[in-house]
Amino acid sequence: MDLMKPELLRKLNKLIEDDEVQKFYTWKEYRFLRSKAKIRDNNECQMCKREGKHGQYGACHHKEEVREKPELALTLSNVEILCKYHHNIVHPEKLNATPVFMNEEWF
């Protein structure tokens, strides 16, 4: 499933250019994609699952970063559910960062 349309890609590229990517995560298209990923992955951390463990939903992770491959930002096969622990391992740079925004994904 790919929800990216040319006008959305232009809008996302502008957000990247303006260093406002966090606004992308409020888009209805992203929220819909995230809900589909949660259903597909059964709200379970896919890295935990690969390790034979069980971890609950913490974040919807883009395998190819939004800034690097914006054309894949709304593609279901490019996202997976991770627990907070594994998301922090994948993104250690975000551990010391102050959250720019908070939404239901943070809880």
PDB file of N, CA and C in Angstrom:
ATOM      1  N   MET A   1       0.847  -1.177   0.000  1.00  0.00           N
ATOM      2  CA  MET A   1       0.000   0.000   0.000  1.00  0.00           C
ATOM      3  C   MET A   1       0.893   1.240   0.000  1.00  0.00           C
ATOM      4  N   ASP A   2       0.631   2.123  -0.935  1.00  0.00           N
ATOM      5  CA  ASP A   2       1.387   3.367  -1.042  1.00  0.00           C
ATOM      6  C   ASP A   2       0.391   4.517  -1.126  1.00  0.00           C
ATOM      7  N   LEU A   3       0.417   5.383  -0.132  1.00  0.00           N
ATOM      8  CA  LEU A   3      -0.522   6.501  -0.074  1.00  0.00           C
ATOM      9  C   LEU A   3       0.072   7.801  -0.620  1.00  0.00           C
ATOM     10  N   MET A   4       1.348   7.767  -1.025  1.00  0.00           N
ATOM     11  CA  MET A   4       2.020   8.986  -1.469  1.00  0.00           C
ATOM     12  C   MET A   4       1.498   9.418  -2.836  1.00  0.00           C
ATOM     13  N   LYS A   5       1.090  10.658  -2.902  1.00  0.00           N
ATOM     14  CA  LYS A   5       0.631  11.270  -4.144  1.00  0.00           C
ATOM     15  C   LYS A   5       1.602  12.415  -4.464  1.00  0.00           C
ATOM     16  N   PRO A   6       1.697  12.818  -5.729  1.00  0.00           N
ATOM     17  CA  PRO A   6       2.657  13.874  -6.100  1.00  0.00           C
ATOM     18  C   PRO A   6       2.530  15.149  -5.266  1.00  0.00           C
ATOM     19  N   GLU A   7       1.297  15.570  -4.988  1.00  0.00           N
ATOM     20  CA  GLU A   7       1.127  16.806  -4.209  1.00  0.00           C
ATOM     21  C   GLU A   7       1.588  16.626  -2.763  1.00  0.00           C
ATOM     22  N   LEU A   8       1.392  15.428  -2.207  1.00  0.00           N
ATOM     23  CA  LEU A   8       1.866  15.158  -0.843  1.00  0.00           C
ATOM     24  C   LEU A   8       3.387  15.099  -0.804  1.00  0.00           C
ATOM     25  N   LEU A   9       3.986  14.533  -1.831  1.00  0.00           N
ATOM     26  CA  LEU A   9       5.446  14.468  -1.895  1.00  0.00           C
ATOM     27  C   LEU A   9       6.038  15.870  -1.986  1.00  0.00           C
ATOM     28  N   ARG A  10       5.420  16.746  -2.757  1.00  0.00           N
ATOM     29  CA  ARG A  10       5.887  18.138  -2.833  1.00  0.00           C
ATOM     30  C   ARG A  10       5.786  18.806  -1.466  1.00  0.00           C
ATOM     31  N   LYS A  11       4.674  18.580  -0.791  1.00  0.00           N
ATOM     32  CA  LYS A  11       4.463  19.159   0.538  1.00  0.00           C
ATOM     33  C   LYS A  11       5.496  18.612   1.532  1.00  0.00           C
ATOM     34  N   LEU A  12       5.759  17.314   1.485  1.00  0.00           N
ATOM     35  CA  LEU A  12       6.737  16.707   2.384  1.00  0.00           C
ATOM     36  C   LEU A  12       8.146  17.213   2.085  1.00  0.00           C
ATOM     37  N   ASN A  13       8.494  17.332   0.826  1.00  0.00           N
ATOM     38  CA  ASN A  13       9.813  17.871   0.470  1.00  0.00           C
ATOM     39  C   ASN A  13       9.992  19.287   0.991  1.00  0.00           C
ATOM     40  N   LYS A  14       8.923  20.063   0.983  1.00  0.00           N
ATOM     41  CA  LYS A  14       8.974  21.428   1.530  1.00  0.00           C
ATOM     42  C   LYS A  14       9.201  21.375   3.042  1.00  0.00           C
ATOM     43  N   LEU A  15       8.522  20.459   3.733  1.00  0.00           N
ATOM     44  CA  LEU A  15       8.737  20.313   5.178  1.00  0.00           C
ATOM     45  C   LEU A  15      10.185  19.927   5.469  1.00  0.00           C
ATOM     46  N   ILE A  16      10.738  19.045   4.664  1.00  0.00           N
ATOM     47  CA  ILE A  16      12.137  18.632   4.841  1.00  0.00           C
ATOM     48  C   ILE A  16      13.060  19.825   4.624  1.00  0.00           C
ATOM     49  N   GLU A  17      12.804  20.564   3.566  1.00  0.00           N
ATOM     50  CA  GLU A  17      13.606  21.748   3.250  1.00  0.00           C
ATOM     51  C   GLU A  17      13.556  22.771   4.383  1.00  0.00           C
ATOM     52  N   ASP A  18      12.388  22.930   4.987  1.00  0.00           N
ATOM     53  CA  ASP A  18      12.199  23.903   6.069  1.00  0.00           C
ATOM     54  C   ASP A  18      12.529  23.331   7.448  1.00  0.00           C
ATOM     55  N   ASP A  19      13.025  22.095   7.497  1.00  0.00           N
ATOM     56  CA  ASP A  19      13.354  21.405   8.746  1.00  0.00           C
ATOM     57  C   ASP A  19      12.140  21.325   9.679  1.00  0.00           C
ATOM     58  N   GLU A  20      10.996  20.969   9.103  1.00  0.00           N
ATOM     59  CA  GLU A  20       9.749  20.842   9.859  1.00  0.00           C
ATOM     60  C   GLU A  20       9.106  19.472   9.626  1.00  0.00           C
ATOM     61  N   VAL A  21       9.933  18.444   9.513  1.00  0.00           N
ATOM     62  CA  VAL A  21       9.441  17.095   9.219  1.00  0.00           C
ATOM     63  C   VAL A  21       8.455  16.610  10.270  1.00  0.00           C
ATOM     64  N   GLN A  22       8.594  17.057  11.513  1.00  0.00           N
ATOM     65  CA  GLN A  22       7.700  16.588  12.579  1.00  0.00           C
ATOM     66  C   GLN A  22       6.234  16.841  12.238  1.00  0.00           C
ATOM     67  N   LYS A  23       5.945  17.835  11.415  1.00  0.00           N
ATOM     68  CA  LYS A  23       4.561  18.110  11.018  1.00  0.00           C
ATOM     69  C   LYS A  23       3.975  16.971  10.181  1.00  0.00           C
ATOM     70  N   PHE A  24       4.826  16.232   9.485  1.00  0.00           N
ATOM     71  CA  PHE A  24       4.376  15.096   8.682  1.00  0.00           C
ATOM     72  C   PHE A  24       3.624  14.081   9.540  1.00  0.00           C
ATOM     73  N   TYR A  25       4.063  13.893  10.774  1.00  0.00           N
ATOM     74  CA  TYR A  25       3.479  12.871  11.644  1.00  0.00           C
ATOM     75  C   TYR A  25       2.072  13.221  12.134  1.00  0.00           C
ATOM     76  N   THR A  26       1.595  14.409  11.805  1.00  0.00           N
ATOM     77  CA  THR A  26       0.220  14.787  12.141  1.00  0.00           C
ATOM     78  C   THR A  26      -0.724  14.605  10.945  1.00  0.00           C
ATOM     79  N   TRP A  27      -0.182  14.302   9.793  1.00  0.00           N
ATOM     80  CA  TRP A  27      -1.012  14.134   8.595  1.00  0.00           C
ATOM     81  C   TRP A  27      -1.955  12.954   8.755  1.00  0.00           C
ATOM     82  N   LYS A  28      -3.159  13.098   8.242  1.00  0.00           N
ATOM     83  CA  LYS A  28      -4.131  12.000   8.316  1.00  0.00           C
ATOM     84  C   LYS A  28      -3.636  10.784   7.537  1.00  0.00           C
ATOM     85  N   GLU A  29      -2.908  10.998   6.448  1.00  0.00           N
ATOM     86  CA  GLU A  29      -2.382   9.880   5.660  1.00  0.00           C
ATOM     87  C   GLU A  29      -1.370   9.067   6.474  1.00  0.00           C
ATOM     88  N   TYR A  30      -0.520   9.761   7.240  1.00  0.00           N
ATOM     89  CA  TYR A  30       0.439   9.051   8.091  1.00  0.00           C
ATOM     90  C   TYR A  30      -0.284   8.302   9.210  1.00  0.00           C
ATOM     91  N   ARG A  31      -1.255   8.948   9.832  1.00  0.00           N
ATOM     92  CA  ARG A  31      -1.995   8.290  10.923  1.00  0.00           C
ATOM     93  C   ARG A  31      -2.712   7.036  10.409  1.00  0.00           C
ATOM     94  N   PHE A  32      -3.249   7.108   9.195  1.00  0.00           N
ATOM     95  CA  PHE A  32      -3.895   5.939   8.587  1.00  0.00           C
ATOM     96  C   PHE A  32      -2.866   4.833   8.330  1.00  0.00           C
ATOM     97  N   LEU A  33      -1.716   5.197   7.766  1.00  0.00           N
ATOM     98  CA  LEU A  33      -0.646   4.232   7.514  1.00  0.00           C
ATOM     99  C   LEU A  33      -0.201   3.572   8.815  1.00  0.00           C
ATOM    100  N   ARG A  34      -0.020   4.373   9.855  1.00  0.00           N
ATOM    101  CA  ARG A  34       0.395   3.847  11.160  1.00  0.00           C
ATOM    102  C   ARG A  34      -0.637   2.858  11.696  1.00  0.00           C
ATOM    103  N   SER A  35      -1.916   3.175  11.543  1.00  0.00           N
ATOM    104  CA  SER A  35      -2.956   2.257  12.032  1.00  0.00           C
ATOM    105  C   SER A  35      -2.921   0.939  11.261  1.00  0.00           C
ATOM    106  N   LYS A  36      -2.665   1.003   9.955  1.00  0.00           N
ATOM    107  CA  LYS A  36      -2.548  -0.221   9.151  1.00  0.00           C
ATOM    108  C   LYS A  36      -1.330  -1.038   9.576  1.00  0.00           C
ATOM    109  N   ALA A  37      -0.220  -0.374   9.880  1.00  0.00           N
ATOM    110  CA  ALA A  37       0.991  -1.078  10.329  1.00  0.00           C
ATOM    111  C   ALA A  37       0.760  -1.734  11.685  1.00  0.00           C
ATOM    112  N   LYS A  38       0.047  -1.053  12.573  1.00  0.00           N
ATOM    113  CA  LYS A  38      -0.242  -1.630  13.890  1.00  0.00           C
ATOM    114  C   LYS A  38      -1.096  -2.890  13.753  1.00  0.00           C
ATOM    115  N   ILE A  39      -2.057  -2.864  12.849  1.00  0.00           N
ATOM    116  CA  ILE A  39      -2.896  -4.045  12.610  1.00  0.00           C
ATOM    117  C   ILE A  39      -2.051  -5.163  12.002  1.00  0.00           C
ATOM    118  N   ARG A  40      -1.301  -4.828  10.966  1.00  0.00           N
ATOM    119  CA  ARG A  40      -0.471  -5.839  10.293  1.00  0.00           C
ATOM    120  C   ARG A  40       0.512  -6.503  11.269  1.00  0.00           C
ATOM    121  N   ASP A  41       1.142  -5.681  12.121  1.00  0.00           N
ATOM    122  CA  ASP A  41       2.164  -6.188  13.046  1.00  0.00           C
ATOM    123  C   ASP A  41       1.584  -6.602  14.395  1.00  0.00           C
ATOM    124  N   ASN A  42       0.258  -6.583  14.507  1.00  0.00           N
ATOM    125  CA  ASN A  42      -0.426  -7.012  15.730  1.00  0.00           C
ATOM    126  C   ASN A  42       0.039  -6.226  16.963  1.00  0.00           C
ATOM    127  N   ASN A  43       0.340  -4.949  16.768  1.00  0.00           N
ATOM    128  CA  ASN A  43       0.803  -4.076  17.856  1.00  0.00           C
ATOM    129  C   ASN A  43       2.049  -4.607  18.559  1.00  0.00           C
ATOM    130  N   GLU A  44       2.834  -5.431  17.869  1.00  0.00           N
ATOM    131  CA  GLU A  44       4.019  -6.043  18.472  1.00  0.00           C
ATOM    132  C   GLU A  44       5.295  -5.513  17.820  1.00  0.00           C
ATOM    133  N   CYS A  45       6.310  -5.312  18.642  1.00  0.00           N
ATOM    134  CA  CYS A  45       7.615  -4.884  18.153  1.00  0.00           C
ATOM    135  C   CYS A  45       8.196  -5.965  17.248  1.00  0.00           C
ATOM    136  N   GLN A  46       8.519  -5.579  16.037  1.00  0.00           N
ATOM    137  CA  GLN A  46       9.030  -6.543  15.067  1.00  0.00           C
ATOM    138  C   GLN A  46      10.475  -6.947  15.355  1.00  0.00           C
ATOM    139  N   MET A  47      11.254  -6.080  15.985  1.00  0.00           N
ATOM    140  CA  MET A  47      12.622  -6.452  16.364  1.00  0.00           C
ATOM    141  C   MET A  47      12.589  -7.453  17.513  1.00  0.00           C
ATOM    142  N   CYS A  48      11.713  -7.235  18.487  1.00  0.00           N
ATOM    143  CA  CYS A  48      11.554  -8.209  19.579  1.00  0.00           C
ATOM    144  C   CYS A  48      11.147  -9.555  18.994  1.00  0.00           C
ATOM    145  N   LYS A  49      10.210  -9.520  18.075  1.00  0.00           N
ATOM    146  CA  LYS A  49       9.703 -10.751  17.463  1.00  0.00           C
ATOM    147  C   LYS A  49      10.825 -11.515  16.758  1.00  0.00           C
ATOM    148  N   ARG A  50      11.694 -10.783  16.043  1.00  0.00           N
ATOM    149  CA  ARG A  50      12.817 -11.432  15.361  1.00  0.00           C
ATOM    150  C   ARG A  50      13.795 -12.055  16.360  1.00  0.00           C
ATOM    151  N   GLU A  51      13.819 -11.520  17.595  1.00  0.00           N
ATOM    152  CA  GLU A  51      14.690 -12.051  18.651  1.00  0.00           C
ATOM    153  C   GLU A  51      13.990 -13.129  19.473  1.00  0.00           C
ATOM    154  N   GLY A  52      12.763 -13.472  19.106  1.00  0.00           N
ATOM    155  CA  GLY A  52      12.013 -14.484  19.841  1.00  0.00           C
ATOM    156  C   GLY A  52      11.409 -13.959  21.131  1.00  0.00           C
ATOM    157  N   LYS A  53      11.258 -12.636  21.222  1.00  0.00           N
ATOM    158  CA  LYS A  53      10.696 -12.001  22.417  1.00  0.00           C
ATOM    159  C   LYS A  53       9.364 -11.350  22.055  1.00  0.00           C
ATOM    160  N   HIS A  54       8.749 -10.744  23.055  1.00  0.00           N
ATOM    161  CA  HIS A  54       7.479 -10.053  22.838  1.00  0.00           C
ATOM    162  C   HIS A  54       7.597  -8.634  23.382  1.00  0.00           C
ATOM    163  N   GLY A  55       7.370  -7.660  22.533  1.00  0.00           N
ATOM    164  CA  GLY A  55       7.390  -6.261  22.943  1.00  0.00           C
ATOM    165  C   GLY A  55       6.188  -5.550  22.367  1.00  0.00           C
ATOM    166  N   GLN A  56       5.604  -4.660  23.142  1.00  0.00           N
ATOM    167  CA  GLN A  56       4.415  -3.929  22.715  1.00  0.00           C
ATOM    168  C   GLN A  56       4.774  -2.694  21.899  1.00  0.00           C
ATOM    169  N   TYR A  57       3.792  -2.186  21.196  1.00  0.00           N
ATOM    170  CA  TYR A  57       3.905  -0.992  20.365  1.00  0.00           C
ATOM    171  C   TYR A  57       4.498   0.179  21.133  1.00  0.00           C
ATOM    172  N   GLY A  58       5.457   0.832  20.504  1.00  0.00           N
ATOM    173  CA  GLY A  58       6.021   2.055  21.049  1.00  0.00           C
ATOM    174  C   GLY A  58       6.097   3.139  19.994  1.00  0.00           C
ATOM    175  N   ALA A  59       6.371   2.732  18.743  1.00  0.00           N
ATOM    176  CA  ALA A  59       6.489   3.697  17.652  1.00  0.00           C
ATOM    177  C   ALA A  59       6.335   2.993  16.312  1.00  0.00           C
ATOM    178  N   CYS A  60       5.915   3.762  15.338  1.00  0.00           N
ATOM    179  CA  CYS A  60       5.869   3.286  13.962  1.00  0.00           C
ATOM    180  C   CYS A  60       7.150   3.798  13.300  1.00  0.00           C
ATOM    181  N   HIS A  61       8.046   2.884  12.974  1.00  0.00           N
ATOM    182  CA  HIS A  61       9.388   3.224  12.496  1.00  0.00           C
ATOM    183  C   HIS A  61       9.480   3.133  10.978  1.00  0.00           C
ATOM    184  N   HIS A  62      10.052   4.173  10.366  1.00  0.00           N
ATOM    185  CA  HIS A  62      10.339   4.145   8.933  1.00  0.00           C
ATOM    186  C   HIS A  62      11.683   3.461   8.723  1.00  0.00           C
ATOM    187  N   LYS A  63      11.700   2.370   7.983  1.00  0.00           N
ATOM    188  CA  LYS A  63      12.948   1.653   7.693  1.00  0.00           C
ATOM    189  C   LYS A  63      13.886   2.540   6.881  1.00  0.00           C
ATOM    190  N   GLU A  64      13.358   3.187   5.873  1.00  0.00           N
ATOM    191  CA  GLU A  64      14.087   4.205   5.109  1.00  0.00           C
ATOM    192  C   GLU A  64      13.619   5.546   5.650  1.00  0.00           C
ATOM    193  N   GLU A  65      14.547   6.322   6.181  1.00  0.00           N
ATOM    194  CA  GLU A  65      14.199   7.574   6.852  1.00  0.00           C
ATOM    195  C   GLU A  65      13.426   8.530   5.940  1.00  0.00           C
ATOM    196  N   VAL A  66      12.485   9.240   6.533  1.00  0.00           N
ATOM    197  CA  VAL A  66      11.641  10.185   5.798  1.00  0.00           C
ATOM    198  C   VAL A  66      12.494  11.233   5.096  1.00  0.00           C
ATOM    199  N   ARG A  67      13.498  11.753   5.786  1.00  0.00           N
ATOM    200  CA  ARG A  67      14.353  12.782   5.175  1.00  0.00           C
ATOM    201  C   ARG A  67      15.167  12.242   4.000  1.00  0.00           C
ATOM    202  N   GLU A  68      15.526  10.980   4.056  1.00  0.00           N
ATOM    203  CA  GLU A  68      16.377  10.399   3.019  1.00  0.00           C
ATOM    204  C   GLU A  68      15.586   9.862   1.829  1.00  0.00           C
ATOM    205  N   LYS A  69      14.412   9.306   2.088  1.00  0.00           N
ATOM    206  CA  LYS A  69      13.579   8.739   1.015  1.00  0.00           C
ATOM    207  C   LYS A  69      12.126   9.166   1.224  1.00  0.00           C
ATOM    208  N   PRO A  70      11.821  10.443   1.036  1.00  0.00           N
ATOM    209  CA  PRO A  70      10.458  10.921   1.282  1.00  0.00           C
ATOM    210  C   PRO A  70       9.406  10.225   0.427  1.00  0.00           C
ATOM    211  N   GLU A  71       9.797   9.738  -0.731  1.00  0.00           N
ATOM    212  CA  GLU A  71       8.830   9.057  -1.601  1.00  0.00           C
ATOM    213  C   GLU A  71       8.309   7.763  -0.979  1.00  0.00           C
ATOM    214  N   LEU A  72       9.006   7.229   0.032  1.00  0.00           N
ATOM    215  CA  LEU A  72       8.572   6.001   0.712  1.00  0.00           C
ATOM    216  C   LEU A  72       7.886   6.267   2.050  1.00  0.00           C
ATOM    217  N   ALA A  73       7.720   7.521   2.406  1.00  0.00           N
ATOM    218  CA  ALA A  73       7.203   7.876   3.732  1.00  0.00           C
ATOM    219  C   ALA A  73       5.796   7.356   4.001  1.00  0.00           C
ATOM    220  N   LEU A  74       5.006   7.159   2.963  1.00  0.00           N
ATOM    221  CA  LEU A  74       3.634   6.678   3.134  1.00  0.00           C
ATOM    222  C   LEU A  74       3.432   5.299   2.505  1.00  0.00           C
ATOM    223  N   THR A  75       4.486   4.495   2.529  1.00  0.00           N
ATOM    224  CA  THR A  75       4.444   3.142   1.975  1.00  0.00           C
ATOM    225  C   THR A  75       4.449   2.141   3.120  1.00  0.00           C
ATOM    226  N   LEU A  76       3.442   1.300   3.175  1.00  0.00           N
ATOM    227  CA  LEU A  76       3.290   0.356   4.283  1.00  0.00           C
ATOM    228  C   LEU A  76       4.499  -0.561   4.439  1.00  0.00           C
ATOM    229  N   SER A  77       5.086  -1.008   3.352  1.00  0.00           N
ATOM    230  CA  SER A  77       6.236  -1.916   3.449  1.00  0.00           C
ATOM    231  C   SER A  77       7.487  -1.222   3.986  1.00  0.00           C
ATOM    232  N   ASN A  78       7.460   0.102   4.109  1.00  0.00           N
ATOM    233  CA  ASN A  78       8.601   0.853   4.631  1.00  0.00           C
ATOM    234  C   ASN A  78       8.472   1.167   6.120  1.00  0.00           C
ATOM    235  N   VAL A  79       7.410   0.728   6.757  1.00  0.00           N
ATOM    236  CA  VAL A  79       7.249   0.992   8.194  1.00  0.00           C
ATOM    237  C   VAL A  79       7.084  -0.319   8.950  1.00  0.00           C
ATOM    238  N   GLU A  80       7.498  -0.288  10.208  1.00  0.00           N
ATOM    239  CA  GLU A  80       7.285  -1.432  11.083  1.00  0.00           C
ATOM    240  C   GLU A  80       7.084  -0.922  12.498  1.00  0.00           C
ATOM    241  N   ILE A  81       6.394  -1.711  13.284  1.00  0.00           N
ATOM    242  CA  ILE A  81       6.124  -1.364  14.670  1.00  0.00           C
ATOM    243  C   ILE A  81       7.318  -1.784  15.519  1.00  0.00           C
ATOM    244  N   LEU A  82       7.786  -0.859  16.365  1.00  0.00           N
ATOM    245  CA  LEU A  82       8.876  -1.137  17.295  1.00  0.00           C
ATOM    246  C   LEU A  82       8.469  -0.715  18.697  1.00  0.00           C
ATOM    247  N   CYS A  83       9.016  -1.393  19.693  1.00  0.00           N
ATOM    248  CA  CYS A  83       8.843  -0.954  21.078  1.00  0.00           C
ATOM    249  C   CYS A  83       9.752   0.266  21.289  1.00  0.00           C
ATOM    250  N   LYS A  84       9.550   0.976  22.377  1.00  0.00           N
ATOM    251  CA  LYS A  84      10.373   2.164  22.636  1.00  0.00           C
ATOM    252  C   LYS A  84      11.848   1.805  22.759  1.00  0.00           C
ATOM    253  N   TYR A  85      12.147   0.668  23.390  1.00  0.00           N
ATOM    254  CA  TYR A  85      13.537   0.238  23.563  1.00  0.00           C
ATOM    255  C   TYR A  85      14.236   0.098  22.208  1.00  0.00           C
ATOM    256  N   HIS A  86      13.634  -0.646  21.295  1.00  0.00           N
ATOM    257  CA  HIS A  86      14.263  -0.852  19.993  1.00  0.00           C
ATOM    258  C   HIS A  86      14.253   0.417  19.146  1.00  0.00           C
ATOM    259  N   HIS A  87      13.229   1.233  19.272  1.00  0.00           N
ATOM    260  CA  HIS A  87      13.219   2.487  18.518  1.00  0.00           C
ATOM    261  C   HIS A  87      14.357   3.387  18.986  1.00  0.00           C
ATOM    262  N   ASN A  88      14.640   3.377  20.287  1.00  0.00           N
ATOM    263  CA  ASN A  88      15.763   4.160  20.807  1.00  0.00           C
ATOM    264  C   ASN A  88      17.102   3.597  20.335  1.00  0.00           C
ATOM    265  N   ILE A  89      17.197   2.292  20.167  1.00  0.00           N
ATOM    266  CA  ILE A  89      18.428   1.691  19.641  1.00  0.00           C
ATOM    267  C   ILE A  89      18.639   2.110  18.187  1.00  0.00           C
ATOM    268  N   VAL A  90      17.567   2.092  17.417  1.00  0.00           N
ATOM    269  CA  VAL A  90      17.649   2.467  16.002  1.00  0.00           C
ATOM    270  C   VAL A  90      17.923   3.965  15.849  1.00  0.00           C
ATOM    271  N   HIS A  91      17.415   4.771  16.783  1.00  0.00           N
ATOM    272  CA  HIS A  91      17.572   6.231  16.734  1.00  0.00           C
ATOM    273  C   HIS A  91      18.215   6.756  18.019  1.00  0.00           C
ATOM    274  N   PRO A  92      19.479   6.434  18.286  1.00  0.00           N
ATOM    275  CA  PRO A  92      20.110   6.919  19.520  1.00  0.00           C
ATOM    276  C   PRO A  92      20.220   8.442  19.568  1.00  0.00           C
ATOM    277  N   GLU A  93      20.224   9.074  18.403  1.00  0.00           N
ATOM    278  CA  GLU A  93      20.324  10.532  18.356  1.00  0.00           C
ATOM    279  C   GLU A  93      19.107  11.211  18.971  1.00  0.00           C
ATOM    280  N   LYS A  94      18.010  10.496  19.083  1.00  0.00           N
ATOM    281  CA  LYS A  94      16.784  11.081  19.627  1.00  0.00           C
ATOM    282  C   LYS A  94      16.678  10.931  21.139  1.00  0.00           C
ATOM    283  N   LEU A  95      17.585  10.177  21.749  1.00  0.00           N
ATOM    284  CA  LEU A  95      17.505   9.944  23.192  1.00  0.00           C
ATOM    285  C   LEU A  95      17.660  11.224  23.997  1.00  0.00           C
ATOM    286  N   ASN A  96      18.553  12.096  23.586  1.00  0.00           N
ATOM    287  CA  ASN A  96      18.806  13.322  24.340  1.00  0.00           C
ATOM    288  C   ASN A  96      18.057  14.523  23.788  1.00  0.00           C
ATOM    289  N   ALA A  97      17.277  14.298  22.760  1.00  0.00           N
ATOM    290  CA  ALA A  97      16.532  15.396  22.149  1.00  0.00           C
ATOM    291  C   ALA A  97      15.265  15.689  22.937  1.00  0.00           C
ATOM    292  N   THR A  98      14.899  16.940  22.959  1.00  0.00           N
ATOM    293  CA  THR A  98      13.639  17.346  23.564  1.00  0.00           C
ATOM    294  C   THR A  98      12.540  17.123  22.537  1.00  0.00           C
ATOM    295  N   PRO A  99      11.456  16.458  22.906  1.00  0.00           N
ATOM    296  CA  PRO A  99      10.377  16.246  21.940  1.00  0.00           C
ATOM    297  C   PRO A  99       9.851  17.566  21.388  1.00  0.00           C
ATOM    298  N   VAL A 100       9.721  17.624  20.079  1.00  0.00           N
ATOM    299  CA  VAL A 100       9.212  18.822  19.429  1.00  0.00           C
ATOM    300  C   VAL A 100       7.698  18.862  19.536  1.00  0.00           C
ATOM    301  N   PHE A 101       7.086  17.712  19.549  1.00  0.00           N
ATOM    302  CA  PHE A 101       5.637  17.621  19.674  1.00  0.00           C
ATOM    303  C   PHE A 101       5.315  16.310  20.361  1.00  0.00           C
ATOM    304  N   MET A 102       4.104  16.199  20.809  1.00  0.00           N
ATOM    305  CA  MET A 102       3.660  14.944  21.401  1.00  0.00           C
ATOM    306  C   MET A 102       2.284  14.626  20.843  1.00  0.00           C
ATOM    307  N   ASN A 103       2.075  13.367  20.521  1.00  0.00           N
ATOM    308  CA  ASN A 103       0.758  12.911  20.098  1.00  0.00           C
ATOM    309  C   ASN A 103       0.523  11.538  20.692  1.00  0.00           C
ATOM    310  N   GLU A 104      -0.557  10.887  20.288  1.00  0.00           N
ATOM    311  CA  GLU A 104      -0.899   9.602  20.890  1.00  0.00           C
ATOM    312  C   GLU A 104       0.170   8.544  20.651  1.00  0.00           C
ATOM    313  N   GLU A 105       1.045   8.738  19.656  1.00  0.00           N
ATOM    314  CA  GLU A 105       2.095   7.752  19.398  1.00  0.00           C
ATOM    315  C   GLU A 105       3.116   7.723  20.537  1.00  0.00           C
ATOM    316  N   TRP A 106       3.221   8.774  21.293  1.00  0.00           N
ATOM    317  CA  TRP A 106       4.188   8.841  22.386  1.00  0.00           C
ATOM    318  C   TRP A 106       3.712   8.072  23.603  1.00  0.00           C
ATOM    319  N   PHE A 107       2.445   7.689  23.620  1.00  0.00           N
ATOM    320  CA  PHE A 107       1.895   7.049  24.821  1.00  0.00           C
ATOM    321  C   PHE A 107       1.590   5.603  24.591  1.00  0.00           C
TER     322      PHE A 107
END
